[in-house]
Amino acid sequence: MTRRRHSPRTAAPRRRVRGRRPGHRGRRAQGGGAAGVLVTAGLAAVLFPQARQWLRFHGSDIAAIAVVVLATGALLLLVQTGRRGASAWATRRRRPEGWDIRFLDSLHHTEFEEAVRDLMRRDGARDAVRVGGAGDNGADVKGTDPVGRRWVIQCKHRRDGAAGAAVGSPDLHVLNGTGRPVHGGDVVVLVTNGRFTAPAVKFARSQRLHLVDRDLLNKWASGSSPLWELLPHLPSPRRGRPSSWGTRRLPF
């Protein structure tokens, strides 16, 4: 009787259950992690007291440096903003023939004075200068027209234009008291982008003062006629060479 030879059974591969028993690599990683934690804890224990001690002695210096850095940054930002604003105004100044009343309404009061000065220069008063500010004695712009007449101009800018407060006679009283005796003006003018009160108009006529209201200013700024062609009853031209008012002659 012959025995059958049985082929050996192939053993099925065992499935490894994860997480049951960590292998060699897992033990190494855990060991490395534990060692890293211990090293970090040791360094922290050594360094943190020194860091606290260093900050205790140098904290005020760091705060001062931070304040200086922040202040410097803010100053640079303001300077850059001012330069952008100044360059924009300088660009607009070069084209006074394109100005209108809405543009003049948008100006700051000092820019409004500069605009009046530049309009005078555009028309031929090459020595026109802005003198407005503290102690100006009622004059904001002075200049000499091509026939030698000296102009003294006071500017009253209204942020709301015609809707703003009307210019009254008290402002004209100051200008009348200084325009001719103090500044030596031949033509004394008050320019506004707003309007005048009725008493102011009456006083100006009685004292030979010239008024430029919103409508006349718009005509002057947006047109090509100089102011001395738009105002009536101007004094006769001066004889001789026009005075420079002691200022530099600047090309427009």
Protein backbone atom coordinates (compact mmCIF):
# COMPACT_ATOMS: atom_id res chain seq x y z
CA MET A 1 0.00 0.00 0.00
CA THR A 2 1.49 3.19 -1.10
CA ARG A 3 1.35 6.33 0.94
CA ARG A 4 0.42 9.50 -0.69
CA ARG A 5 2.88 12.23 -0.44
CA HIS A 6 1.28 15.39 0.74
CA SER A 7 2.71 18.62 -0.50
CA PRO A 8 3.75 20.88 2.31
CA ARG A 9 1.26 23.53 3.12
CA THR A 10 2.30 27.07 2.55
CA ALA A 11 1.95 29.01 5.73
CA ALA A 12 -0.24 32.08 5.41
CA PRO A 13 1.58 35.36 6.13
CA ARG A 14 0.82 36.81 9.48
CA ARG A 15 -0.81 40.19 9.53
CA ARG A 16 0.97 42.76 11.59
CA VAL A 17 -1.32 44.59 13.89
CA ARG A 18 -0.33 48.19 13.98
CA GLY A 19 0.22 49.77 17.27
CA ARG A 20 0.35 46.56 19.20
CA ARG A 21 4.08 46.20 19.56
CA PRO A 22 6.39 49.00 18.41
CA GLY A 23 9.19 47.92 16.18
CA HIS A 24 12.78 48.85 16.25
CA ARG A 25 12.25 52.09 14.35
CA GLY A 26 9.42 53.15 16.57
CA ARG A 27 11.50 52.59 19.64
CA ARG A 28 14.33 54.61 18.08
CA ALA A 29 12.00 57.51 17.23
CA GLN A 30 10.51 57.52 20.68
CA GLY A 31 13.94 57.47 22.19
CA GLY A 32 15.08 60.36 19.97
CA GLY A 33 11.97 62.38 20.76
CA ALA A 34 12.43 61.91 24.47
CA ALA A 35 16.06 62.91 24.17
CA GLY A 36 15.06 66.03 22.19
CA VAL A 37 12.57 67.01 24.84
CA LEU A 38 15.17 66.57 27.53
CA VAL A 39 17.74 68.64 25.58
CA THR A 40 15.19 71.40 24.90
CA ALA A 41 14.15 71.47 28.53
CA GLY A 42 17.78 71.65 29.58
CA LEU A 43 18.55 74.52 27.22
CA ALA A 44 15.46 76.39 28.32
CA ALA A 45 16.44 75.96 31.92
CA VAL A 46 19.86 77.40 31.14
CA LEU A 47 18.95 80.15 28.66
CA PHE A 48 15.71 81.59 29.98
CA PRO A 49 17.18 82.92 33.23
CA GLN A 50 19.97 84.55 31.24
CA ALA A 51 17.46 86.00 28.79
CA ARG A 52 15.40 87.40 31.63
CA GLN A 53 18.48 88.88 33.21
CA TRP A 54 19.57 90.41 29.89
CA LEU A 55 16.16 91.97 29.29
CA ARG A 56 16.18 93.30 32.83
CA PHE A 57 19.32 95.31 32.11
CA HIS A 58 18.65 96.22 28.45
CA GLY A 59 14.87 96.39 28.24
CA SER A 60 14.80 100.20 28.45
CA ASP A 61 17.36 100.46 25.64
CA ILE A 62 15.31 98.17 23.42
CA ALA A 63 12.18 100.21 24.10
CA ALA A 64 14.00 103.44 23.24
CA ILE A 65 15.34 101.95 20.01
CA ALA A 66 11.84 100.77 19.08
CA VAL A 67 10.43 104.26 19.68
CA VAL A 68 13.15 105.82 17.53
CA VAL A 69 12.52 103.34 14.72
CA LEU A 70 8.77 103.95 14.78
CA ALA A 71 9.20 107.73 14.88
CA THR A 72 11.66 107.61 11.98
CA GLY A 73 9.26 105.55 9.91
CA ALA A 74 6.40 107.92 10.62
CA LEU A 75 8.57 110.92 9.73
CA LEU A 76 9.65 109.36 6.44
CA LEU A 77 6.01 108.63 5.61
CA LEU A 78 5.04 112.24 6.29
CA VAL A 79 7.93 113.55 4.21
CA GLN A 80 7.02 111.33 1.27
CA THR A 81 3.37 112.36 1.52
CA GLY A 82 4.37 116.02 1.66
CA ARG A 83 6.61 115.63 -1.37
CA ARG A 84 3.82 114.00 -3.33
CA GLY A 85 1.46 116.81 -2.37
CA ALA A 86 4.03 119.51 -3.14
CA SER A 87 4.89 118.01 -6.51
CA ALA A 88 1.20 117.76 -7.42
CA TRP A 89 0.66 121.43 -6.55
CA ALA A 90 3.79 122.40 -8.47
CA THR A 91 2.48 120.55 -11.51
CA ARG A 92 -0.85 122.34 -11.33
CA ARG A 93 0.90 125.68 -10.90
CA ARG A 94 2.52 125.35 -14.30
CA ARG A 95 -0.87 125.46 -16.05
CA PRO A 96 -2.82 128.43 -14.66
CA GLU A 97 -4.62 128.84 -17.98
CA GLY A 98 -6.49 125.61 -17.22
CA TRP A 99 -7.75 126.67 -13.80
CA ASP A 100 -11.40 127.21 -13.01
CA ILE A 101 -13.35 128.18 -9.92
CA ARG A 102 -13.86 124.58 -8.81
CA PHE A 103 -10.12 124.02 -8.80
CA LEU A 104 -9.61 127.18 -6.75
CA ASP A 105 -12.30 126.05 -4.30
CA SER A 106 -10.35 122.86 -3.62
CA LEU A 107 -7.18 124.66 -2.52
CA HIS A 108 -5.89 125.32 0.96
CA HIS A 109 -5.88 129.00 1.84
CA THR A 110 -2.10 129.22 1.45
CA GLU A 111 -2.32 127.50 -1.94
CA PHE A 112 -5.04 129.95 -2.90
CA GLU A 113 -2.63 132.81 -2.19
CA GLU A 114 0.03 131.08 -4.28
CA ALA A 115 -2.49 130.62 -7.09
CA VAL A 116 -3.28 134.35 -7.10
CA ARG A 117 0.43 135.10 -7.16
CA ASP A 118 0.95 132.74 -10.11
CA LEU A 119 -1.94 134.29 -12.00
CA MET A 120 -0.27 137.67 -11.59
CA ARG A 121 2.98 136.22 -12.90
CA ARG A 122 1.15 134.67 -15.83
CA ASP A 123 -0.24 138.08 -16.76
CA GLY A 124 3.16 139.78 -16.73
CA ALA A 125 3.78 140.76 -13.09
CA ARG A 126 7.09 138.89 -13.07
CA ASP A 127 8.02 140.04 -9.57
CA ALA A 128 4.76 138.92 -7.94
CA VAL A 129 5.40 137.42 -4.53
CA ARG A 130 3.29 135.87 -1.80
CA VAL A 131 3.79 137.67 1.51
CA GLY A 132 0.79 136.28 3.41
CA GLY A 133 1.22 134.98 6.93
CA ALA A 134 1.74 136.32 10.41
CA GLY A 135 2.52 140.03 10.33
CA ASP A 136 1.55 140.52 6.68
CA ASN A 137 -0.29 143.78 7.53
CA GLY A 138 -3.25 142.92 5.35
CA ALA A 139 -1.32 141.94 2.21
CA ASP A 140 -1.05 138.42 0.84
CA VAL A 141 0.31 139.05 -2.66
CA LYS A 142 2.29 141.95 -4.09
CA GLY A 143 3.50 142.56 -7.61
CA THR A 144 4.15 145.11 -10.33
CA ASP A 145 2.24 145.08 -13.61
CA PRO A 146 3.95 145.74 -16.98
CA VAL A 147 3.21 149.49 -16.83
CA GLY A 148 4.73 149.93 -13.38
CA ARG A 149 1.67 150.00 -11.12
CA ARG A 150 2.20 148.35 -7.74
CA TRP A 151 -0.50 145.87 -6.75
CA VAL A 152 -1.38 144.92 -3.19
CA ILE A 153 -3.77 142.00 -2.94
CA GLN A 154 -5.48 140.42 0.02
CA CYS A 155 -6.93 136.91 -0.43
CA LYS A 156 -9.95 135.47 1.33
CA HIS A 157 -10.50 131.81 0.54
CA ARG A 158 -13.84 130.22 1.39
CA ARG A 159 -13.86 126.44 1.63
CA ASP A 160 -17.56 126.38 0.72
CA GLY A 161 -17.24 128.92 -2.08
CA ALA A 162 -20.36 131.03 -2.58
CA ALA A 163 -22.08 129.12 0.24
CA GLY A 164 -19.45 130.28 2.72
CA ALA A 165 -19.49 133.42 4.81
CA ALA A 166 -19.48 136.63 2.79
CA VAL A 167 -16.47 138.92 3.08
CA GLY A 168 -17.49 141.97 5.08
CA SER A 169 -16.27 145.53 5.46
CA PRO A 170 -14.01 144.84 8.50
CA ASP A 171 -11.59 142.97 6.23
CA LEU A 172 -11.58 145.93 3.87
CA HIS A 173 -10.90 148.33 6.73
CA VAL A 174 -7.62 146.53 7.45
CA LEU A 175 -6.63 146.45 3.78
CA ASN A 176 -7.53 150.11 3.30
CA GLY A 177 -5.41 151.09 6.29
CA THR A 178 -2.25 149.34 5.06
CA GLY A 179 -2.54 148.87 1.29
CA ARG A 180 -1.30 152.34 0.34
CA PRO A 181 0.37 153.80 3.46
CA VAL A 182 2.29 150.65 4.50
CA HIS A 183 2.76 148.70 1.27
CA GLY A 184 2.83 151.60 -1.19
CA GLY A 185 0.21 150.09 -3.45
CA ASP A 186 -1.24 151.86 -6.48
CA VAL A 187 -3.96 149.23 -6.93
CA VAL A 188 -5.39 147.68 -3.77
CA VAL A 189 -7.48 144.54 -4.33
CA LEU A 190 -9.35 141.97 -2.28
CA VAL A 191 -9.80 138.59 -4.04
CA THR A 192 -12.16 135.88 -2.86
CA ASN A 193 -13.68 132.71 -4.26
CA GLY A 194 -16.84 133.66 -2.37
CA ARG A 195 -18.91 136.82 -2.23
CA PHE A 196 -19.03 140.26 -0.61
CA THR A 197 -21.60 141.87 1.62
CA ALA A 198 -23.43 144.98 0.39
CA PRO A 199 -21.70 147.23 2.99
CA ALA A 200 -18.33 145.88 1.82
CA VAL A 201 -19.10 146.77 -1.80
CA LYS A 202 -20.21 150.26 -0.77
CA PHE A 203 -17.09 150.83 1.35
CA ALA A 204 -14.80 149.62 -1.44
CA ARG A 205 -16.27 152.10 -3.90
CA SER A 206 -15.84 154.97 -1.48
CA GLN A 207 -12.18 154.14 -0.82
CA ARG A 208 -11.09 153.21 -4.36
CA LEU A 209 -10.59 149.56 -3.43
CA HIS A 210 -11.08 146.87 -6.05
CA LEU A 211 -13.06 143.70 -5.41
CA VAL A 212 -12.71 140.38 -7.22
CA ASP A 213 -15.60 138.09 -6.36
CA ARG A 214 -16.26 134.51 -7.38
CA ASP A 215 -17.53 135.26 -10.88
CA LEU A 216 -14.75 137.69 -11.74
CA LEU A 217 -12.13 135.35 -10.30
CA ASN A 218 -13.39 132.51 -12.46
CA LYS A 219 -13.24 134.76 -15.51
CA TRP A 220 -9.72 135.82 -14.65
CA ALA A 221 -8.36 132.35 -13.84
CA SER A 222 -9.95 130.45 -16.71
CA GLY A 223 -9.45 133.12 -19.38
CA SER A 224 -6.53 134.84 -21.01
CA SER A 225 -7.21 138.46 -19.98
CA PRO A 226 -5.01 139.91 -17.22
CA LEU A 227 -6.67 141.28 -14.14
CA TRP A 228 -5.84 144.89 -15.07
CA GLU A 229 -8.00 144.51 -18.17
CA LEU A 230 -10.94 143.20 -16.13
CA LEU A 231 -11.01 145.86 -13.41
CA PRO A 232 -12.33 149.37 -14.13
CA HIS A 233 -11.05 152.73 -12.93
CA LEU A 234 -7.40 151.81 -12.46
CA PRO A 235 -4.83 154.53 -11.78
CA SER A 236 -2.63 155.80 -14.57
CA PRO A 237 0.54 153.87 -15.43
CA ARG A 238 3.67 154.81 -13.57
CA ARG A 239 6.56 156.44 -15.38
CA GLY A 240 9.95 154.77 -15.45
CA ARG A 241 11.02 151.23 -14.77
CA PRO A 242 8.72 149.01 -12.69
CA SER A 243 9.85 148.31 -9.17
CA SER A 244 10.82 144.76 -8.21
CA TRP A 245 9.59 145.11 -4.58
CA GLY A 246 13.00 143.91 -3.44
CA THR A 247 12.33 140.33 -4.56
CA ARG A 248 13.83 138.01 -7.12
CA ARG A 249 12.25 137.86 -10.53
CA LEU A 250 11.15 134.29 -11.02
CA PRO A 251 10.11 132.93 -14.43
CA PHE A 252 6.67 131.39 -14.39
